[in-house]
Amino acid sequence: MKITIVFAALLALGACSPKQYESEPVTLDTAQGPVVCQLYTKSLVQWDRSISRPDAMSVETADALCAKEGQRQQG
């Protein structure tokens, strides 16, 4: 029974595509330059990520800024 429930949940998640939930890109002004974020619905902030960043900024830092912006907009 548990395997069936887990399998059904995985199928449901697999049918979800982030594209369905995308908002218009958001630009954040930082000291290093603009970071463009792709945010998703307010309940899916774990998908929020950067799609453009300054060369001097790591992907991890830019993604963290976007996740923080998604959380800010959630509240």
PDB file of N, CA and C in Angstrom:
ATOM      1  N   MET A   1       0.824  -1.187   0.000  1.00  0.00           N
ATOM      2  CA  MET A   1       0.000   0.000   0.000  1.00  0.00           C
ATOM      3  C   MET A   1       0.873   1.258   0.000  1.00  0.00           C
ATOM      4  N   LYS A   2       1.912   1.257   0.856  1.00  0.00           N
ATOM      5  CA  LYS A   2       2.786   2.428   0.931  1.00  0.00           C
ATOM      6  C   LYS A   2       3.491   2.673  -0.397  1.00  0.00           C
ATOM      7  N   ILE A   3       3.909   1.624  -1.057  1.00  0.00           N
ATOM      8  CA  ILE A   3       4.592   1.762  -2.340  1.00  0.00           C
ATOM      9  C   ILE A   3       3.660   2.395  -3.366  1.00  0.00           C
ATOM     10  N   THR A   4       2.409   2.014  -3.355  1.00  0.00           N
ATOM     11  CA  THR A   4       1.432   2.571  -4.284  1.00  0.00           C
ATOM     12  C   THR A   4       1.256   4.067  -4.046  1.00  0.00           C
ATOM     13  N   ILE A   5       1.186   4.464  -2.797  1.00  0.00           N
ATOM     14  CA  ILE A   5       1.021   5.885  -2.455  1.00  0.00           C
ATOM     15  C   ILE A   5       2.257   6.677  -2.873  1.00  0.00           C
ATOM     16  N   VAL A   6       3.418   6.152  -2.596  1.00  0.00           N
ATOM     17  CA  VAL A   6       4.663   6.827  -2.980  1.00  0.00           C
ATOM     18  C   VAL A   6       4.754   6.937  -4.498  1.00  0.00           C
ATOM     19  N   PHE A   7       4.437   5.879  -5.195  1.00  0.00           N
ATOM     20  CA  PHE A   7       4.484   5.880  -6.653  1.00  0.00           C
ATOM     21  C   PHE A   7       3.507   6.908  -7.229  1.00  0.00           C
ATOM     22  N   ALA A   8       2.312   6.977  -6.687  1.00  0.00           N
ATOM     23  CA  ALA A   8       1.316   7.946  -7.157  1.00  0.00           C
ATOM     24  C   ALA A   8       1.785   9.375  -6.904  1.00  0.00           C
ATOM     25  N   ALA A   9       2.404   9.599  -5.760  1.00  0.00           N
ATOM     26  CA  ALA A   9       2.925  10.938  -5.448  1.00  0.00           C
ATOM     27  C   ALA A   9       4.040  11.324  -6.412  1.00  0.00           C
ATOM     28  N   LEU A  10       4.921  10.396  -6.725  1.00  0.00           N
ATOM     29  CA  LEU A  10       6.006  10.663  -7.676  1.00  0.00           C
ATOM     30  C   LEU A  10       5.467  10.958  -9.071  1.00  0.00           C
ATOM     31  N   LEU A  11       4.452  10.243  -9.482  1.00  0.00           N
ATOM     32  CA  LEU A  11       3.837  10.512 -10.779  1.00  0.00           C
ATOM     33  C   LEU A  11       3.212  11.900 -10.815  1.00  0.00           C
ATOM     34  N   ALA A  12       2.551  12.276  -9.747  1.00  0.00           N
ATOM     35  CA  ALA A  12       1.929  13.604  -9.679  1.00  0.00           C
ATOM     36  C   ALA A  12       2.982  14.695  -9.747  1.00  0.00           C
ATOM     37  N   LEU A  13       4.076  14.520  -9.033  1.00  0.00           N
ATOM     38  CA  LEU A  13       5.150  15.510  -9.061  1.00  0.00           C
ATOM     39  C   LEU A  13       5.820  15.566 -10.424  1.00  0.00           C
ATOM     40  N   GLY A  14       5.959  14.444 -11.060  1.00  0.00           N
ATOM     41  CA  GLY A  14       6.581  14.391 -12.371  1.00  0.00           C
ATOM     42  C   GLY A  14       5.765  15.105 -13.434  1.00  0.00           C
ATOM     43  N   ALA A  15       4.482  15.185 -13.228  1.00  0.00           N
ATOM     44  CA  ALA A  15       3.612  15.866 -14.185  1.00  0.00           C
ATOM     45  C   ALA A  15       3.695  17.381 -14.052  1.00  0.00           C
ATOM     46  N   CYS A  16       4.241  17.872 -12.965  1.00  0.00           N
ATOM     47  CA  CYS A  16       4.368  19.308 -12.752  1.00  0.00           C
ATOM     48  C   CYS A  16       5.585  19.827 -13.508  1.00  0.00           C
ATOM     49  N   SER A  17       5.400  20.914 -14.170  1.00  0.00           N
ATOM     50  CA  SER A  17       6.500  21.562 -14.876  1.00  0.00           C
ATOM     51  C   SER A  17       6.649  22.974 -14.336  1.00  0.00           C
ATOM     52  N   PRO A  18       7.877  23.387 -14.006  1.00  0.00           N
ATOM     53  CA  PRO A  18       8.074  24.765 -13.531  1.00  0.00           C
ATOM     54  C   PRO A  18       7.544  25.808 -14.507  1.00  0.00           C
ATOM     55  N   LYS A  19       7.572  25.522 -15.803  1.00  0.00           N
ATOM     56  CA  LYS A  19       7.101  26.484 -16.813  1.00  0.00           C
ATOM     57  C   LYS A  19       5.658  26.917 -16.548  1.00  0.00           C
ATOM     58  N   GLN A  20       4.857  26.020 -16.004  1.00  0.00           N
ATOM     59  CA  GLN A  20       3.457  26.324 -15.730  1.00  0.00           C
ATOM     60  C   GLN A  20       3.294  27.419 -14.688  1.00  0.00           C
ATOM     61  N   TYR A  21       4.294  27.613 -13.848  1.00  0.00           N
ATOM     62  CA  TYR A  21       4.170  28.485 -12.695  1.00  0.00           C
ATOM     63  C   TYR A  21       5.042  29.734 -12.774  1.00  0.00           C
ATOM     64  N   GLU A  22       5.743  29.935 -13.898  1.00  0.00           N
ATOM     65  CA  GLU A  22       6.665  31.055 -14.009  1.00  0.00           C
ATOM     66  C   GLU A  22       5.945  32.396 -13.983  1.00  0.00           C
ATOM     67  N   SER A  23       6.577  33.352 -13.318  1.00  0.00           N
ATOM     68  CA  SER A  23       6.123  34.737 -13.353  1.00  0.00           C
ATOM     69  C   SER A  23       7.011  35.478 -14.348  1.00  0.00           C
ATOM     70  N   GLU A  24       6.734  36.736 -14.549  1.00  0.00           N
ATOM     71  CA  GLU A  24       7.636  37.563 -15.340  1.00  0.00           C
ATOM     72  C   GLU A  24       8.952  37.665 -14.577  1.00  0.00           C
ATOM     73  N   PRO A  25      10.095  37.657 -15.272  1.00  0.00           N
ATOM     74  CA  PRO A  25      11.374  37.800 -14.574  1.00  0.00           C
ATOM     75  C   PRO A  25      11.444  39.094 -13.764  1.00  0.00           C
ATOM     76  N   VAL A  26      12.142  39.028 -12.652  1.00  0.00           N
ATOM     77  CA  VAL A  26      12.301  40.151 -11.739  1.00  0.00           C
ATOM     78  C   VAL A  26      13.780  40.518 -11.704  1.00  0.00           C
ATOM     79  N   THR A  27      14.099  41.811 -11.796  1.00  0.00           N
ATOM     80  CA  THR A  27      15.489  42.253 -11.736  1.00  0.00           C
ATOM     81  C   THR A  27      15.781  42.834 -10.361  1.00  0.00           C
ATOM     82  N   LEU A  28      16.838  42.320  -9.740  1.00  0.00           N
ATOM     83  CA  LEU A  28      17.287  42.830  -8.448  1.00  0.00           C
ATOM     84  C   LEU A  28      18.562  43.633  -8.677  1.00  0.00           C
ATOM     85  N   ASP A  29      18.616  44.843  -8.135  1.00  0.00           N
ATOM     86  CA  ASP A  29      19.832  45.648  -8.215  1.00  0.00           C
ATOM     87  C   ASP A  29      20.709  45.318  -7.028  1.00  0.00           C
ATOM     88  N   THR A  30      21.940  44.878  -7.299  1.00  0.00           N
ATOM     89  CA  THR A  30      22.885  44.560  -6.235  1.00  0.00           C
ATOM     90  C   THR A  30      24.129  45.423  -6.422  1.00  0.00           C
ATOM     91  N   ALA A  31      25.003  45.419  -5.445  1.00  0.00           N
ATOM     92  CA  ALA A  31      26.248  46.190  -5.523  1.00  0.00           C
ATOM     93  C   ALA A  31      27.124  45.700  -6.677  1.00  0.00           C
ATOM     94  N   GLN A  32      27.004  44.424  -7.050  1.00  0.00           N
ATOM     95  CA  GLN A  32      27.809  43.861  -8.128  1.00  0.00           C
ATOM     96  C   GLN A  32      27.159  44.013  -9.500  1.00  0.00           C
ATOM     97  N   GLY A  33      25.911  44.422  -9.513  1.00  0.00           N
ATOM     98  CA  GLY A  33      25.176  44.567 -10.760  1.00  0.00           C
ATOM     99  C   GLY A  33      23.829  43.875 -10.689  1.00  0.00           C
ATOM    100  N   PRO A  34      23.055  43.972 -11.774  1.00  0.00           N
ATOM    101  CA  PRO A  34      21.703  43.397 -11.756  1.00  0.00           C
ATOM    102  C   PRO A  34      21.699  41.870 -11.798  1.00  0.00           C
ATOM    103  N   VAL A  35      20.766  41.311 -11.053  1.00  0.00           N
ATOM    104  CA  VAL A  35      20.508  39.863 -11.063  1.00  0.00           C
ATOM    105  C   VAL A  35      19.070  39.703 -11.540  1.00  0.00           C
ATOM    106  N   VAL A  36      18.878  38.924 -12.585  1.00  0.00           N
ATOM    107  CA  VAL A  36      17.530  38.669 -13.093  1.00  0.00           C
ATOM    108  C   VAL A  36      17.083  37.320 -12.551  1.00  0.00           C
ATOM    109  N   CYS A  37      15.928  37.333 -11.910  1.00  0.00           N
ATOM    110  CA  CYS A  37      15.397  36.133 -11.253  1.00  0.00           C
ATOM    111  C   CYS A  37      14.150  35.627 -11.963  1.00  0.00           C
ATOM    112  N   GLN A  38      14.056  34.314 -12.061  1.00  0.00           N
ATOM    113  CA  GLN A  38      12.819  33.679 -12.498  1.00  0.00           C
ATOM    114  C   GLN A  38      12.129  33.188 -11.247  1.00  0.00           C
ATOM    115  N   LEU A  39      11.037  33.827 -10.910  1.00  0.00           N
ATOM    116  CA  LEU A  39      10.269  33.438  -9.732  1.00  0.00           C
ATOM    117  C   LEU A  39       9.067  32.626 -10.176  1.00  0.00           C
ATOM    118  N   TYR A  40       8.558  31.846  -9.263  1.00  0.00           N
ATOM    119  CA  TYR A  40       7.414  30.989  -9.542  1.00  0.00           C
ATOM    120  C   TYR A  40       6.292  31.355  -8.588  1.00  0.00           C
ATOM    121  N   THR A  41       5.239  30.589  -8.559  1.00  0.00           N
ATOM    122  CA  THR A  41       4.136  30.922  -7.671  1.00  0.00           C
ATOM    123  C   THR A  41       4.628  31.034  -6.239  1.00  0.00           C
ATOM    124  N   LYS A  42       3.910  31.778  -5.450  1.00  0.00           N
ATOM    125  CA  LYS A  42       4.340  32.059  -4.081  1.00  0.00           C
ATOM    126  C   LYS A  42       4.475  30.807  -3.225  1.00  0.00           C
ATOM    127  N   SER A  43       3.844  29.716  -3.617  1.00  0.00           N
ATOM    128  CA  SER A  43       3.961  28.479  -2.837  1.00  0.00           C
ATOM    129  C   SER A  43       5.120  27.605  -3.309  1.00  0.00           C
ATOM    130  N   LEU A  44       5.830  28.013  -4.362  1.00  0.00           N
ATOM    131  CA  LEU A  44       6.900  27.185  -4.917  1.00  0.00           C
ATOM    132  C   LEU A  44       8.227  27.936  -4.949  1.00  0.00           C
ATOM    133  N   VAL A  45       8.578  28.589  -3.863  1.00  0.00           N
ATOM    134  CA  VAL A  45       9.807  29.391  -3.857  1.00  0.00           C
ATOM    135  C   VAL A  45      11.069  28.536  -3.992  1.00  0.00           C
ATOM    136  N   GLN A  46      10.979  27.238  -3.764  1.00  0.00           N
ATOM    137  CA  GLN A  46      12.171  26.396  -3.900  1.00  0.00           C
ATOM    138  C   GLN A  46      12.636  26.314  -5.354  1.00  0.00           C
ATOM    139  N   TRP A  47      11.794  26.696  -6.328  1.00  0.00           N
ATOM    140  CA  TRP A  47      12.194  26.704  -7.726  1.00  0.00           C
ATOM    141  C   TRP A  47      12.809  28.040  -8.147  1.00  0.00           C
ATOM    142  N   ASP A  48      12.668  29.088  -7.342  1.00  0.00           N
ATOM    143  CA  ASP A  48      13.171  30.406  -7.711  1.00  0.00           C
ATOM    144  C   ASP A  48      14.678  30.339  -7.973  1.00  0.00           C
ATOM    145  N   ARG A  49      15.112  30.965  -9.073  1.00  0.00           N
ATOM    146  CA  ARG A  49      16.524  30.890  -9.446  1.00  0.00           C
ATOM    147  C   ARG A  49      16.905  32.093 -10.291  1.00  0.00           C
ATOM    148  N   SER A  50      18.199  32.291 -10.432  1.00  0.00           N
ATOM    149  CA  SER A  50      18.691  33.378 -11.280  1.00  0.00           C
ATOM    150  C   SER A  50      18.764  32.895 -12.727  1.00  0.00           C
ATOM    151  N   ILE A  51      18.465  33.812 -13.647  1.00  0.00           N
ATOM    152  CA  ILE A  51      18.613  33.491 -15.067  1.00  0.00           C
ATOM    153  C   ILE A  51      19.655  34.403 -15.707  1.00  0.00           C
ATOM    154  N   SER A  52      20.109  35.401 -14.956  1.00  0.00           N
ATOM    155  CA  SER A  52      21.182  36.283 -15.405  1.00  0.00           C
ATOM    156  C   SER A  52      21.819  36.893 -14.165  1.00  0.00           C
ATOM    157  N   ARG A  53      23.149  37.049 -14.203  1.00  0.00           N
ATOM    158  CA  ARG A  53      23.870  37.582 -13.042  1.00  0.00           C
ATOM    159  C   ARG A  53      25.142  38.253 -13.520  1.00  0.00           C
ATOM    160  N   PRO A  54      25.731  39.120 -12.689  1.00  0.00           N
ATOM    161  CA  PRO A  54      27.018  39.713 -13.051  1.00  0.00           C
ATOM    162  C   PRO A  54      28.103  38.630 -13.122  1.00  0.00           C
ATOM    163  N   ASP A  55      29.083  38.817 -13.980  1.00  0.00           N
ATOM    164  CA  ASP A  55      30.170  37.840 -14.116  1.00  0.00           C
ATOM    165  C   ASP A  55      30.899  37.590 -12.807  1.00  0.00           C
ATOM    166  N   ALA A  56      31.004  38.625 -11.972  1.00  0.00           N
ATOM    167  CA  ALA A  56      31.752  38.502 -10.720  1.00  0.00           C
ATOM    168  C   ALA A  56      30.963  37.785  -9.621  1.00  0.00           C
ATOM    169  N   MET A  57      29.714  37.426  -9.883  1.00  0.00           N
ATOM    170  CA  MET A  57      28.859  36.793  -8.867  1.00  0.00           C
ATOM    171  C   MET A  57      28.683  35.320  -9.187  1.00  0.00           C
ATOM    172  N   SER A  58      28.784  34.481  -8.177  1.00  0.00           N
ATOM    173  CA  SER A  58      28.587  33.043  -8.383  1.00  0.00           C
ATOM    174  C   SER A  58      27.101  32.731  -8.607  1.00  0.00           C
ATOM    175  N   VAL A  59      26.868  31.621  -9.264  1.00  0.00           N
ATOM    176  CA  VAL A  59      25.497  31.155  -9.485  1.00  0.00           C
ATOM    177  C   VAL A  59      24.806  30.930  -8.145  1.00  0.00           C
ATOM    178  N   GLU A  60      25.537  30.355  -7.193  1.00  0.00           N
ATOM    179  CA  GLU A  60      24.959  30.064  -5.875  1.00  0.00           C
ATOM    180  C   GLU A  60      24.496  31.341  -5.182  1.00  0.00           C
ATOM    181  N   THR A  61      25.325  32.391  -5.256  1.00  0.00           N
ATOM    182  CA  THR A  61      24.958  33.663  -4.626  1.00  0.00           C
ATOM    183  C   THR A  61      23.742  34.270  -5.311  1.00  0.00           C
ATOM    184  N   ALA A  62      23.736  34.265  -6.640  1.00  0.00           N
ATOM    185  CA  ALA A  62      22.608  34.824  -7.386  1.00  0.00           C
ATOM    186  C   ALA A  62      21.330  34.037  -7.105  1.00  0.00           C
ATOM    187  N   ASP A  63      21.424  32.715  -7.092  1.00  0.00           N
ATOM    188  CA  ASP A  63      20.252  31.891  -6.790  1.00  0.00           C
ATOM    189  C   ASP A  63      19.740  32.158  -5.378  1.00  0.00           C
ATOM    190  N   ALA A  64      20.652  32.346  -4.433  1.00  0.00           N
ATOM    191  CA  ALA A  64      20.246  32.633  -3.051  1.00  0.00           C
ATOM    192  C   ALA A  64      19.512  33.967  -2.976  1.00  0.00           C
ATOM    193  N   LEU A  65      19.983  34.957  -3.721  1.00  0.00           N
ATOM    194  CA  LEU A  65      19.289  36.251  -3.749  1.00  0.00           C
ATOM    195  C   LEU A  65      17.885  36.104  -4.324  1.00  0.00           C
ATOM    196  N   CYS A  66      17.753  35.290  -5.355  1.00  0.00           N
ATOM    197  CA  CYS A  66      16.443  35.073  -5.965  1.00  0.00           C
ATOM    198  C   CYS A  66      15.506  34.324  -5.018  1.00  0.00           C
ATOM    199  N   ALA A  67      16.031  33.335  -4.324  1.00  0.00           N
ATOM    200  CA  ALA A  67      15.213  32.607  -3.348  1.00  0.00           C
ATOM    201  C   ALA A  67      14.748  33.544  -2.242  1.00  0.00           C
ATOM    202  N   LYS A  68      15.637  34.432  -1.810  1.00  0.00           N
ATOM    203  CA  LYS A  68      15.276  35.405  -0.775  1.00  0.00           C
ATOM    204  C   LYS A  68      14.194  36.353  -1.279  1.00  0.00           C
ATOM    205  N   GLU A  69      14.296  36.773  -2.537  1.00  0.00           N
ATOM    206  CA  GLU A  69      13.272  37.639  -3.122  1.00  0.00           C
ATOM    207  C   GLU A  69      11.941  36.906  -3.220  1.00  0.00           C
ATOM    208  N   GLY A  70      11.978  35.646  -3.602  1.00  0.00           N
ATOM    209  CA  GLY A  70      10.744  34.855  -3.649  1.00  0.00           C
ATOM    210  C   GLY A  70      10.095  34.746  -2.281  1.00  0.00           C
ATOM    211  N   GLN A  71      10.916  34.551  -1.251  1.00  0.00           N
ATOM    212  CA  GLN A  71      10.387  34.489   0.112  1.00  0.00           C
ATOM    213  C   GLN A  71       9.831  35.839   0.544  1.00  0.00           C
ATOM    214  N   ARG A  72      10.512  36.921   0.147  1.00  0.00           N
ATOM    215  CA  ARG A  72      10.024  38.279   0.482  1.00  0.00           C
ATOM    216  C   ARG A  72       8.658  38.509  -0.141  1.00  0.00           C
ATOM    217  N   GLN A  73       8.512  38.129  -1.399  1.00  0.00           N
ATOM    218  CA  GLN A  73       7.233  38.314  -2.074  1.00  0.00           C
ATOM    219  C   GLN A  73       6.145  37.373  -1.540  1.00  0.00           C
ATOM    220  N   GLN A  74       6.555  36.275  -0.971  1.00  0.00           N
ATOM    221  CA  GLN A  74       5.613  35.307  -0.400  1.00  0.00           C
ATOM    222  C   GLN A  74       4.915  35.899   0.828  1.00  0.00           C
ATOM    223  N   GLY A  75       5.695  36.661   1.612  1.00  0.00           N
ATOM    224  CA  GLY A  75       5.164  37.223   2.860  1.00  0.00           C
ATOM    225  C   GLY A  75       4.396  38.437   2.630  1.00  0.00           C
TER     226      GLY A  75
END
